[in-house]
């Protein structure tokens, strides 16, 4: 390890010496690094935006859910079937896939109660424990808004269905926002330095 590091140091010095010797090049390097950091953070946050409410919501007992509430519940899948959600991935291009799922009406239940799951508004479906599928008796986390189907029978209009309550990279959303902010500050610092010291000869 020591020999590898000894060989790497001269290479790094050779690579970055032009930037160390030139203020304008340092400004350029900081600006480019900041742009990548800000762009990457914003892109990651944008891709995960539909999952942010799911990741940030506490887990609610089904029996405590009320009509109008946006909740995340965790319970066993119950249905008159074996496979409640049949997951499939179809190739639509080089390196790309399109996710489809056939859903049978099902509910989730915990010791406090039962909720019918309405998947008409489903925006995010995470892979289930059986090759992507969800079977009767599997645990599932469901996020959405609760409504009354009539006569006090409650349902949840699911927006996210996942295998675990923390099954989302959106729990790192604050870090992505922080990276984007840090990148923006680097870009601003580079521009300010160029504006203030741009007249300084190289």
Protein backbone atom coordinates (compact mmCIF):
# COMPACT_ATOMS: atom_id res chain seq x y z
CA UNK A 1 0.00 0.00 0.00
CA UNK A 2 2.83 2.40 0.89
CA UNK A 3 4.64 1.83 -2.39
CA UNK A 4 1.42 2.36 -4.37
CA UNK A 5 0.81 5.65 -2.58
CA UNK A 6 4.41 6.74 -3.16
CA UNK A 7 3.95 6.13 -6.88
CA UNK A 8 0.58 7.92 -6.91
CA UNK A 9 1.74 11.16 -5.29
CA UNK A 10 4.02 12.25 -8.18
CA UNK A 11 1.24 11.47 -10.66
CA UNK A 12 -1.26 13.59 -8.72
CA UNK A 13 1.27 16.42 -8.47
CA UNK A 14 1.86 16.24 -12.22
CA UNK A 15 -1.89 16.18 -12.93
CA UNK A 16 -2.87 19.09 -10.68
CA UNK A 17 0.28 21.24 -10.83
CA UNK A 18 -1.10 23.39 -13.66
CA UNK A 19 -4.13 24.21 -11.47
CA UNK A 20 -1.95 24.94 -8.45
CA UNK A 21 0.13 27.38 -10.46
CA UNK A 22 -2.75 29.23 -12.13
CA UNK A 23 -5.58 31.00 -10.31
CA UNK A 24 -7.76 30.93 -13.40
CA UNK A 25 -7.32 27.17 -13.76
CA UNK A 26 -8.14 26.69 -10.09
CA UNK A 27 -11.32 28.68 -10.63
CA UNK A 28 -12.19 26.47 -13.58
CA UNK A 29 -11.52 23.25 -11.64
CA UNK A 30 -13.61 24.36 -8.64
CA UNK A 31 -16.42 25.50 -10.93
CA UNK A 32 -16.51 22.23 -12.83
CA UNK A 33 -16.41 20.17 -9.62
CA UNK A 34 -19.21 22.27 -8.15
CA UNK A 35 -21.32 21.92 -11.29
CA UNK A 36 -21.02 18.13 -11.24
CA UNK A 37 -21.82 18.02 -7.52
CA UNK A 38 -24.84 20.32 -7.84
CA UNK A 39 -26.12 18.60 -10.97
CA UNK A 40 -25.69 15.11 -9.53
CA UNK A 41 -27.40 16.04 -6.28
CA UNK A 42 -30.36 17.67 -8.03
CA UNK A 43 -30.71 14.77 -10.48
CA UNK A 44 -30.68 12.17 -7.70
CA UNK A 45 -33.22 14.16 -5.67
CA UNK A 46 -35.46 14.63 -8.70
CA UNK A 47 -35.45 10.91 -9.52
CA UNK A 48 -36.31 10.03 -5.91
CA UNK A 49 -38.88 12.79 -5.40
CA UNK A 50 -41.95 10.49 -5.67
CA UNK A 51 -40.50 8.37 -2.84
CA UNK A 52 -39.62 11.22 -0.47
CA UNK A 53 -42.99 11.23 1.38
CA UNK A 54 -42.77 7.44 1.82
CA UNK A 55 -39.22 7.62 3.19
CA UNK A 56 -40.05 10.45 5.58
CA UNK A 57 -43.34 9.11 6.94
CA UNK A 58 -43.46 7.23 10.24
CA UNK A 59 -45.09 3.82 10.30
CA UNK A 60 -48.71 4.04 11.45
CA UNK A 61 -50.77 1.24 12.99
CA UNK A 62 -53.57 0.36 10.59
CA UNK A 63 -56.14 0.73 13.36
CA UNK A 64 -55.03 4.35 13.89
CA UNK A 65 -55.50 5.37 10.24
CA UNK A 66 -58.30 7.87 9.61
CA UNK A 67 -59.92 9.02 6.35
CA UNK A 68 -57.89 11.86 4.83
CA UNK A 69 -54.64 10.80 6.52
CA UNK A 70 -51.46 10.26 4.48
CA UNK A 71 -49.89 7.26 6.17
CA UNK A 72 -47.32 4.52 5.79
CA UNK A 73 -48.59 1.17 7.04
CA UNK A 74 -46.80 -2.14 7.41
CA UNK A 75 -48.65 -5.41 7.43
CA UNK A 76 -49.34 -8.83 5.95
CA UNK A 77 -50.84 -9.12 2.48
CA UNK A 78 -54.20 -10.88 2.41
CA UNK A 79 -56.10 -11.81 -0.75
CA UNK A 80 -58.06 -14.64 -2.34
CA UNK A 81 -55.00 -15.49 -4.43
CA UNK A 82 -51.45 -16.76 -4.22
CA UNK A 83 -49.71 -13.86 -5.99
CA UNK A 84 -51.07 -10.41 -5.14
CA UNK A 85 -48.56 -8.48 -7.29
CA UNK A 86 -46.99 -10.22 -10.29
CA UNK A 87 -43.85 -8.27 -11.19
CA UNK A 88 -42.28 -8.39 -14.64
CA UNK A 89 -39.49 -6.46 -16.36
CA UNK A 90 -39.50 -6.08 -20.11
CA UNK A 91 -36.47 -4.94 -22.06
CA UNK A 92 -37.27 -1.80 -24.04
CA UNK A 93 -33.80 -0.76 -25.12
CA UNK A 94 -30.08 -1.31 -24.63
CA UNK A 95 -29.58 -1.33 -20.86
CA UNK A 96 -33.15 -0.17 -20.23
CA UNK A 97 -36.11 -2.02 -18.81
CA UNK A 98 -39.76 -1.23 -18.31
CA UNK A 99 -41.54 -2.50 -15.20
CA UNK A 100 -45.03 -3.92 -15.39
CA UNK A 101 -47.11 -5.54 -12.69
CA UNK A 102 -50.38 -7.42 -12.66
CA UNK A 103 -52.18 -6.65 -9.41
CA UNK A 104 -54.95 -8.70 -7.81
CA UNK A 105 -57.17 -6.86 -5.27
CA UNK A 106 -55.60 -7.28 -1.84
CA UNK A 107 -55.48 -5.81 1.64
CA UNK A 108 -52.84 -5.36 4.32
CA UNK A 109 -53.44 -6.20 7.93
CA UNK A 110 -51.71 -5.91 11.28
CA UNK A 111 -52.96 -6.79 14.77
CA UNK A 112 -54.87 -3.48 14.93
CA UNK A 113 -56.90 -3.74 11.72
CA UNK A 114 -57.15 -4.19 7.96
CA UNK A 115 -56.93 -1.79 5.00
CA UNK A 116 -57.95 -2.52 1.43
CA UNK A 117 -55.21 -1.38 -0.97
CA UNK A 118 -56.33 0.66 -3.98
CA UNK A 119 -53.48 0.57 -6.53
CA UNK A 120 -55.07 2.77 -9.22
CA UNK A 121 -52.77 5.69 -8.26
CA UNK A 122 -49.64 3.60 -7.65
CA UNK A 123 -46.55 5.62 -8.62
CA UNK A 124 -43.68 3.55 -7.18
CA UNK A 125 -43.53 -0.23 -6.88
CA UNK A 126 -40.48 -1.77 -5.25
CA UNK A 127 -39.45 -5.35 -5.92
CA UNK A 128 -41.13 -7.92 -3.72
CA UNK A 129 -39.45 -10.84 -1.92
CA UNK A 130 -40.29 -13.51 -4.52
CA UNK A 131 -38.33 -12.45 -7.60
CA UNK A 132 -40.14 -9.13 -7.48
CA UNK A 133 -43.57 -10.64 -6.75
CA UNK A 134 -45.63 -10.17 -3.60
CA UNK A 135 -47.47 -13.25 -2.35
CA UNK A 136 -50.27 -13.68 0.14
CA UNK A 137 -48.71 -13.71 3.60
CA UNK A 138 -45.76 -11.46 2.64
CA UNK A 139 -45.13 -8.27 4.56
CA UNK A 140 -45.48 -5.04 2.61
CA UNK A 141 -45.16 -1.34 3.35
CA UNK A 142 -47.80 0.84 1.71
CA UNK A 143 -47.87 4.64 1.59
CA UNK A 144 -50.87 6.67 0.49
CA UNK A 145 -54.03 8.49 1.51
CA UNK A 146 -56.77 6.76 3.47
CA UNK A 147 -60.40 7.09 2.41
CA UNK A 148 -63.75 5.63 3.39
CA UNK A 149 -65.21 3.23 0.81
CA UNK A 150 -68.55 3.46 2.56
CA UNK A 151 -70.11 2.16 5.77
CA UNK A 152 -66.82 2.79 7.61
CA UNK A 153 -64.78 0.40 5.47
CA UNK A 154 -61.39 2.05 4.96
CA UNK A 155 -58.98 1.77 2.05
CA UNK A 156 -55.61 3.29 1.23
CA UNK A 157 -55.01 4.87 -2.17
CA UNK A 158 -51.49 3.49 -2.57
CA UNK A 159 -48.77 5.68 -4.03
CA UNK A 160 -45.82 3.50 -2.97
CA UNK A 161 -45.64 -0.23 -2.27
CA UNK A 162 -42.36 -1.63 -0.94
CA UNK A 163 -41.06 -4.76 0.74
CA UNK A 164 -39.79 -2.85 3.81
CA UNK A 165 -40.63 0.40 5.56
CA UNK A 166 -37.17 1.77 4.70
CA UNK A 167 -36.95 0.28 1.19
CA UNK A 168 -36.07 3.55 -0.54
CA UNK A 169 -32.94 5.52 -1.35
CA UNK A 170 -35.06 8.61 -0.72
CA UNK A 171 -34.08 8.34 2.95
CA UNK A 172 -30.79 9.88 1.77
CA UNK A 173 -32.62 12.80 0.11
CA UNK A 174 -31.24 15.36 2.62
CA UNK A 175 -27.71 14.27 1.67
CA UNK A 176 -28.47 14.79 -2.03
CA UNK A 177 -29.89 18.23 -1.29
CA UNK A 178 -26.79 19.03 0.77
CA UNK A 179 -24.53 17.90 -2.09
CA UNK A 180 -26.43 20.12 -4.52
CA UNK A 181 -26.13 23.07 -2.12
CA UNK A 182 -22.40 22.45 -1.62
CA UNK A 183 -21.92 22.26 -5.37
CA UNK A 184 -23.78 25.53 -5.82
CA UNK A 185 -21.55 27.18 -3.22
CA UNK A 186 -18.44 25.93 -5.03
CA UNK A 187 -19.68 27.37 -8.32
CA UNK A 188 -20.54 30.67 -6.61
CA UNK A 189 -17.11 30.78 -4.95
CA UNK A 190 -15.37 30.18 -8.27
CA UNK A 191 -17.37 32.92 -9.99
CA UNK A 192 -16.87 35.35 -7.12
CA UNK A 193 -13.13 34.66 -7.05
CA UNK A 194 -12.92 35.24 -10.79
CA UNK A 195 -14.93 38.47 -10.50
CA UNK A 196 -12.84 39.84 -7.61
CA UNK A 197 -9.41 38.60 -8.68
CA UNK A 198 -9.91 38.27 -12.41
CA UNK A 199 -7.65 41.24 -13.04
CA UNK A 200 -4.74 39.66 -11.14
CA UNK A 201 -2.06 38.57 -13.65
CA UNK A 202 -1.25 34.85 -13.88
